[in-house]
Amino acid sequence: MALKIAVLDDYADVARRYADWPQGDDVTVFHRTMTDPAELAATLAPFDVLCVMRERTPLDGALIRALPNLKLIVTTGARNLSIDVAAAQERGITVCGTQSRGTTTAEFVMALMLALTRRIVPEANSAAAGGWQTGMGRDLSGLTLGIAGFGRIGRQVATLARPFGVEILAWSRSLTADRAAADGVRHAPDLDALLQGSDIVSINLVLSDTTRGLFGARELALMRPDALLLNTSRGPIVQVDPLLAALRAGRLGGAALDVHDVEPLPDGAPVLDRDLIDSGQLLVTPHLGYVSDQTFRMFYRQTVEAVEAWKAGGPIRVIGGGPQATPST
């Protein structure tokens, strides 16, 4: 059975290089993100299979119901909250995923942390423009890193940060003092305590109804005036307008935002504040936390494996119930 396969949101144009796609199938790779529902429905209507990259293109119920030929959705990663799995199941569409490399995001958190504390971007820009040193950075050693969300990635951030001499303070709704002690970190009883006690705060929470907008004006006001905020999780967890206001007023030392409410960032997005960016107070990156050569090679290779296993009737990593199988690594 020849399939029409759509590979969505391949920004870097690597999908064909990183995996051997089935020769007998018709594979179309899209590099541009489509946001208009009518355009999406019309463009994707012919396809039997959609291969999606994380949450770059949400597949809500209305879109899924508008695709008459759709039989299989493969997402990179084992979870994708932007897919309406229930709507897919109602139509008998299989939804499955791949593995993911947990270290990729944690390493990027460290990169942002070092870039902000040592003012790497503004100083590099100064040197490139013919200037020289323009400010003073800070050592990580002796600072307190607060990790909001102490799950798999949060724990990896702690492991990577500890050799730099930081003290780790951790909070999540499910984290207990005993579990924190077993992991060798201090336990913050609530988010307020974490914000008040940290020099750097790394957000590693899952976006949900309870975390959407969690970091607003009240929470930012609890942070130290020279503290740094890093968000590599999901954009809507942080309220951007209060964050920018705190940076402009000097009530917050700096922020690094790798994730955004709308991605790719539209022209004129408020977060693209040249004064804050040029001064080194704000570092804006295009959702690089999970983007690496090794990760994407695994993503696309296992996406192809999932398609071929589904065609053959073999076990696949089903999302939302069903048989589980781990693709090769």
Protein backbone atom coordinates (compact mmCIF):
# COMPACT_ATOMS: atom_id res chain seq x y z
CA MET A 1 0.00 0.00 0.00
CA ALA A 2 1.54 3.29 -1.11
CA LEU A 3 0.93 6.11 1.31
CA LYS A 4 0.84 9.86 0.94
CA ILE A 5 2.98 11.13 3.83
CA ALA A 6 3.29 14.74 4.99
CA VAL A 7 6.27 15.76 7.12
CA LEU A 8 5.39 19.04 8.80
CA ASP A 9 7.50 21.94 10.03
CA ASP A 10 10.96 20.79 8.99
CA TYR A 11 12.46 24.24 9.61
CA ALA A 12 16.05 23.18 9.05
CA ASP A 13 15.36 20.99 5.99
CA VAL A 14 16.93 17.87 7.53
CA ALA A 15 14.13 15.29 7.45
CA ARG A 16 15.20 13.72 4.15
CA ARG A 17 18.89 13.66 5.14
CA TYR A 18 18.35 12.20 8.59
CA ALA A 19 16.20 9.20 7.66
CA ASP A 20 15.59 6.79 4.78
CA TRP A 21 11.95 7.42 3.95
CA PRO A 22 9.99 4.55 2.33
CA GLN A 23 10.75 4.43 -1.39
CA GLY A 24 7.28 3.30 -2.41
CA ASP A 25 5.46 6.12 -0.62
CA ASP A 26 4.83 9.70 -1.69
CA VAL A 27 6.60 11.86 0.89
CA THR A 28 6.08 15.64 0.97
CA VAL A 29 8.14 17.76 3.37
CA PHE A 30 6.81 21.14 4.49
CA HIS A 31 9.27 23.72 5.80
CA ARG A 32 6.87 26.59 6.45
CA THR A 33 4.48 26.56 9.39
CA MET A 34 0.86 26.94 8.32
CA THR A 35 -1.37 28.65 10.87
CA ASP A 36 -4.57 29.30 8.93
CA PRO A 37 -7.05 26.46 9.65
CA ALA A 38 -8.54 26.56 6.16
CA GLU A 39 -5.10 26.40 4.53
CA LEU A 40 -4.08 23.52 6.77
CA ALA A 41 -7.21 21.53 6.05
CA ALA A 42 -6.97 22.07 2.29
CA THR A 43 -3.23 21.35 2.13
CA LEU A 44 -3.28 18.23 4.30
CA ALA A 45 -6.54 16.71 3.01
CA PRO A 46 -4.84 14.31 0.53
CA PHE A 47 -2.46 12.75 3.06
CA ASP A 48 -2.77 9.36 4.77
CA VAL A 49 0.00 10.04 7.30
CA LEU A 50 1.05 13.19 9.15
CA CYS A 51 4.53 13.28 10.72
CA VAL A 52 4.67 16.19 13.16
CA MET A 53 7.57 17.80 14.97
CA ARG A 54 6.57 18.29 18.59
CA GLU A 55 3.90 21.01 18.93
CA ARG A 56 4.94 23.11 15.94
CA THR A 57 1.61 22.50 14.18
CA PRO A 58 -1.25 21.69 16.57
CA LEU A 59 -3.65 19.00 15.39
CA ASP A 60 -6.93 19.92 17.05
CA GLY A 61 -10.20 18.06 16.69
CA ALA A 62 -11.56 20.34 13.96
CA LEU A 63 -8.49 19.79 11.79
CA ILE A 64 -8.41 16.04 12.36
CA ARG A 65 -12.08 15.74 11.44
CA ALA A 66 -11.43 17.78 8.26
CA LEU A 67 -8.84 15.32 6.89
CA PRO A 68 -10.76 12.52 5.15
CA ASN A 69 -7.76 10.31 4.27
CA LEU A 70 -5.85 10.54 7.54
CA LYS A 71 -5.01 7.15 9.05
CA LEU A 72 -1.82 7.68 11.07
CA ILE A 73 -0.22 10.52 13.07
CA VAL A 74 3.40 10.15 14.17
CA THR A 75 4.77 12.75 16.56
CA THR A 76 8.36 13.16 17.66
CA GLY A 77 8.53 12.51 21.37
CA ALA A 78 6.36 10.28 23.51
CA ARG A 79 3.87 13.03 24.35
CA ASN A 80 2.30 15.81 22.32
CA LEU A 81 -0.41 17.75 24.10
CA SER A 82 -1.27 19.70 20.95
CA ILE A 83 -2.78 16.60 19.32
CA ASP A 84 -6.45 15.87 20.07
CA VAL A 85 -5.90 12.17 20.59
CA ALA A 86 -9.56 11.58 21.49
CA ALA A 87 -10.71 13.07 18.18
CA ALA A 88 -8.23 10.85 16.36
CA GLN A 89 -9.41 7.76 18.20
CA GLU A 90 -13.02 8.55 17.34
CA ARG A 91 -12.07 8.30 13.67
CA GLY A 92 -9.89 5.23 14.10
CA ILE A 93 -6.68 7.17 13.47
CA THR A 94 -3.60 5.76 15.16
CA VAL A 95 -1.43 8.26 17.07
CA CYS A 96 2.09 7.18 17.98
CA GLY A 97 5.38 8.76 18.99
CA THR A 98 9.11 8.31 19.23
CA GLN A 99 11.62 8.41 22.03
CA SER A 100 13.39 11.65 22.98
CA ARG A 101 16.82 12.57 24.32
CA GLY A 102 16.34 14.17 27.71
CA THR A 103 19.81 15.70 27.95
CA THR A 104 19.32 18.04 24.99
CA THR A 105 17.10 20.56 26.76
CA ALA A 106 19.05 20.39 30.02
CA GLU A 107 22.27 21.21 28.18
CA PHE A 108 20.59 24.16 26.53
CA VAL A 109 19.43 25.47 29.91
CA MET A 110 23.08 25.56 30.93
CA ALA A 111 24.00 27.37 27.72
CA LEU A 112 21.40 30.08 28.41
CA MET A 113 22.51 30.34 32.02
CA LEU A 114 26.14 30.89 31.07
CA ALA A 115 25.23 33.26 28.24
CA LEU A 116 23.22 35.49 30.58
CA THR A 117 25.51 35.44 33.58
CA ARG A 118 28.64 36.12 31.52
CA ARG A 119 26.95 38.54 29.08
CA ILE A 120 28.26 36.52 26.14
CA VAL A 121 25.92 37.86 23.45
CA PRO A 122 26.29 41.63 24.02
CA GLU A 123 30.04 41.31 24.58
CA ALA A 124 30.46 39.23 21.40
CA ASN A 125 28.40 41.77 19.47
CA SER A 126 30.56 44.58 20.86
CA ALA A 127 33.76 42.85 19.77
CA ALA A 128 32.32 42.11 16.31
CA ALA A 129 31.44 45.79 15.91
CA GLY A 130 34.99 46.89 16.75
CA GLY A 131 34.37 47.59 20.41
CA TRP A 132 35.55 45.83 23.54
CA GLN A 133 34.28 44.99 27.02
CA THR A 134 31.10 46.81 27.98
CA GLY A 135 29.99 45.29 31.28
CA MET A 136 30.57 42.81 34.08
CA GLY A 137 29.41 39.22 34.23
CA ARG A 138 28.89 36.96 37.23
CA ASP A 139 30.26 33.57 38.24
CA LEU A 140 27.77 30.75 38.70
CA SER A 141 29.71 29.47 41.69
CA GLY A 142 28.02 30.56 44.89
CA LEU A 143 24.66 31.35 43.29
CA THR A 144 21.38 29.58 44.01
CA LEU A 145 19.63 27.96 41.07
CA GLY A 146 15.91 27.49 41.54
CA ILE A 147 14.37 24.77 39.40
CA ALA A 148 10.61 25.11 38.93
CA GLY A 149 9.47 21.67 37.86
CA PHE A 150 11.68 18.90 39.17
CA GLY A 151 10.85 16.12 36.73
CA ARG A 152 13.11 14.37 34.27
CA ILE A 153 14.56 17.51 32.69
CA GLY A 154 14.66 19.46 35.95
CA ARG A 155 16.73 16.72 37.56
CA GLN A 156 19.10 16.69 34.60
CA VAL A 157 19.54 20.46 34.90
CA ALA A 158 20.47 19.99 38.55
CA THR A 159 23.02 17.30 37.64
CA LEU A 160 24.67 19.52 35.01
CA ALA A 161 24.62 22.67 37.15
CA ARG A 162 26.02 21.18 40.35
CA PRO A 163 29.67 21.01 39.16
CA PHE A 164 29.57 24.78 38.56
CA GLY A 165 29.23 25.32 42.29
CA VAL A 166 25.60 26.41 42.42
CA GLU A 167 23.26 25.47 45.22
CA ILE A 168 20.10 23.79 43.93
CA LEU A 169 16.66 24.79 45.22
CA ALA A 170 13.79 22.80 43.71
CA TRP A 171 10.02 23.01 43.64
CA SER A 172 7.19 21.20 41.96
CA ARG A 173 3.72 20.38 43.20
CA SER A 174 4.59 16.71 43.57
CA LEU A 175 8.06 17.16 45.08
CA THR A 176 8.40 16.27 48.76
CA ALA A 177 11.15 17.29 51.16
CA ASP A 178 12.24 13.66 51.47
CA ARG A 179 12.49 13.21 47.69
CA ALA A 180 14.41 16.48 47.35
CA ALA A 181 16.86 15.37 50.05
CA ALA A 182 17.33 12.04 48.29
CA ASP A 183 18.22 13.97 45.11
CA GLY A 184 20.68 16.17 47.01
CA VAL A 185 18.77 19.44 46.57
CA ARG A 186 17.04 21.87 48.92
CA HIS A 187 13.26 21.74 48.89
CA ALA A 188 11.20 24.88 48.35
CA PRO A 189 7.78 24.38 49.97
CA ASP A 190 6.06 26.53 47.35
CA LEU A 191 6.76 28.60 44.25
CA ASP A 192 6.98 31.83 46.25
CA ALA A 193 9.80 30.42 48.36
CA LEU A 194 11.63 29.28 45.23
CA LEU A 195 11.39 32.72 43.62
CA GLN A 196 12.45 34.56 46.75
CA GLY A 197 15.41 32.29 47.40
CA SER A 198 16.97 32.00 43.93
CA ASP A 199 19.50 33.98 41.94
CA ILE A 200 18.51 32.09 38.77
CA VAL A 201 15.17 30.41 38.09
CA SER A 202 14.85 27.73 35.41
CA ILE A 203 11.31 26.86 34.36
CA ASN A 204 10.97 23.16 33.56
CA LEU A 205 7.22 22.72 33.96
CA VAL A 206 4.68 21.10 31.68
CA LEU A 207 2.13 23.52 30.22
CA SER A 208 -1.30 22.85 31.73
CA ASP A 209 -4.29 24.73 33.07
CA THR A 210 -2.45 25.14 36.38
CA THR A 211 0.82 26.44 34.88
CA ARG A 212 -0.51 28.67 32.09
CA GLY A 213 0.36 32.26 33.07
CA LEU A 214 1.91 31.03 36.32
CA PHE A 215 4.73 33.58 36.16
CA GLY A 216 2.99 36.95 36.23
CA ALA A 217 3.57 40.36 37.80
CA ARG A 218 3.08 39.11 41.37
CA GLU A 219 5.51 36.22 40.96
CA LEU A 220 8.14 38.31 39.18
CA ALA A 221 7.97 40.88 41.98
CA LEU A 222 9.06 38.18 44.43
CA MET A 223 12.33 37.64 42.59
CA ARG A 224 15.55 39.41 43.51
CA PRO A 225 16.23 42.53 41.41
CA ASP A 226 19.38 40.96 39.93
CA ALA A 227 17.83 37.50 39.43
CA LEU A 228 17.60 35.76 36.08
CA LEU A 229 14.64 33.86 34.63
CA LEU A 230 15.05 31.07 32.05
CA ASN A 231 12.12 29.53 30.19
CA THR A 232 12.76 26.49 28.00
CA SER A 233 9.42 24.80 28.67
CA ARG A 234 6.44 26.49 27.00
CA GLY A 235 5.88 30.16 26.25
CA PRO A 236 2.44 30.64 27.86
CA ILE A 237 3.80 29.71 31.30
CA VAL A 238 5.35 33.20 31.49
CA GLN A 239 3.29 36.36 31.01
CA VAL A 240 5.44 38.36 28.61
CA ASP A 241 4.15 41.89 29.25
CA PRO A 242 4.87 41.86 33.02
CA LEU A 243 8.26 40.27 32.33
CA LEU A 244 9.26 43.00 29.88
CA ALA A 245 8.00 45.67 32.29
CA ALA A 246 10.11 44.22 35.11
CA LEU A 247 13.21 44.17 32.92
CA ARG A 248 12.72 47.74 31.73
CA ALA A 249 12.19 48.96 35.29
CA GLY A 250 15.29 47.17 36.61
CA ARG A 251 13.21 44.96 38.89
CA LEU A 252 14.70 41.84 37.29
CA GLY A 253 18.28 41.24 36.22
CA GLY A 254 17.66 39.34 33.01
CA ALA A 255 15.67 36.71 31.19
CA ALA A 256 16.23 34.09 28.51
CA LEU A 257 13.18 32.97 26.54
CA ASP A 258 13.54 30.00 24.22
CA VAL A 259 9.79 29.36 23.94
CA HIS A 260 7.03 31.74 22.92
CA ASP A 261 3.25 32.09 22.82
CA VAL A 262 3.30 32.03 19.00
CA GLU A 263 6.00 30.16 17.10
CA PRO A 264 7.70 31.08 14.84
CA LEU A 265 7.77 34.56 16.33
CA PRO A 266 5.71 36.98 14.22
CA ASP A 267 7.11 40.30 13.02
CA GLY A 268 6.76 42.95 15.69
CA ALA A 269 6.37 40.51 18.58
CA PRO A 270 6.73 42.51 21.85
CA VAL A 271 9.48 40.18 23.05
CA LEU A 272 11.74 41.39 20.23
CA ASP A 273 12.65 44.49 22.23
CA ARG A 274 15.90 45.76 20.73
CA ASP A 275 16.89 47.84 23.76
CA LEU A 276 16.55 44.90 26.15
CA ILE A 277 18.23 42.50 23.75
CA ASP A 278 21.14 44.81 22.89
CA SER A 279 21.77 45.55 26.55
CA GLY A 280 22.03 41.85 27.38
CA GLN A 281 19.03 41.88 29.72
CA LEU A 282 16.98 39.72 27.37
CA LEU A 283 18.09 36.70 25.35
CA VAL A 284 15.57 35.45 22.78
CA THR A 285 16.16 32.16 20.98
CA PRO A 286 13.96 30.27 18.48
CA HIS A 287 12.96 27.21 20.54
CA LEU A 288 16.33 25.50 20.37
CA GLY A 289 16.03 23.53 23.60
CA TYR A 290 15.34 20.18 21.95
CA VAL A 291 17.02 20.92 18.61
CA SER A 292 20.26 19.03 18.06
CA ASP A 293 21.75 16.80 15.41
CA GLN A 294 21.57 13.67 17.55
CA THR A 295 18.01 14.32 18.67
CA PHE A 296 16.64 15.02 15.21
CA ARG A 297 18.39 12.02 13.68
CA MET A 298 16.65 9.84 16.28
CA PHE A 299 13.32 11.64 15.80
CA TYR A 300 13.16 11.19 12.04
CA ARG A 301 14.63 7.69 12.00
CA GLN A 302 12.09 6.47 14.55
CA THR A 303 9.30 8.32 12.73
CA VAL A 304 10.09 6.26 9.63
CA GLU A 305 10.29 3.10 11.74
CA ALA A 306 6.84 3.87 13.16
CA VAL A 307 5.32 4.35 9.71
CA GLU A 308 6.82 1.11 8.43
CA ALA A 309 5.80 -0.82 11.55
CA TRP A 310 2.24 0.47 11.23
CA LYS A 311 2.10 -0.57 7.57
CA ALA A 312 3.33 -4.03 8.54
CA GLY A 313 0.88 -4.35 11.42
CA GLY A 314 3.67 -4.53 13.96
CA PRO A 315 3.88 -2.98 17.44
CA ILE A 316 4.34 0.78 17.68
CA ARG A 317 4.55 3.33 20.49
CA VAL A 318 0.86 4.26 20.64
CA ILE A 319 -0.20 7.47 22.39
CA GLY A 320 -3.51 7.38 24.23
CA GLY A 321 -3.68 3.65 24.86
CA GLY A 322 -2.73 0.51 23.02
CA PRO A 323 0.39 -1.61 22.59
CA GLN A 324 3.74 -0.16 23.52
CA ALA A 325 7.03 -0.87 21.76
CA THR A 326 10.34 0.92 22.02
CA PRO A 327 11.91 1.80 18.67
CA SER A 328 15.60 1.16 18.18
CA THR A 329 18.03 3.77 19.52
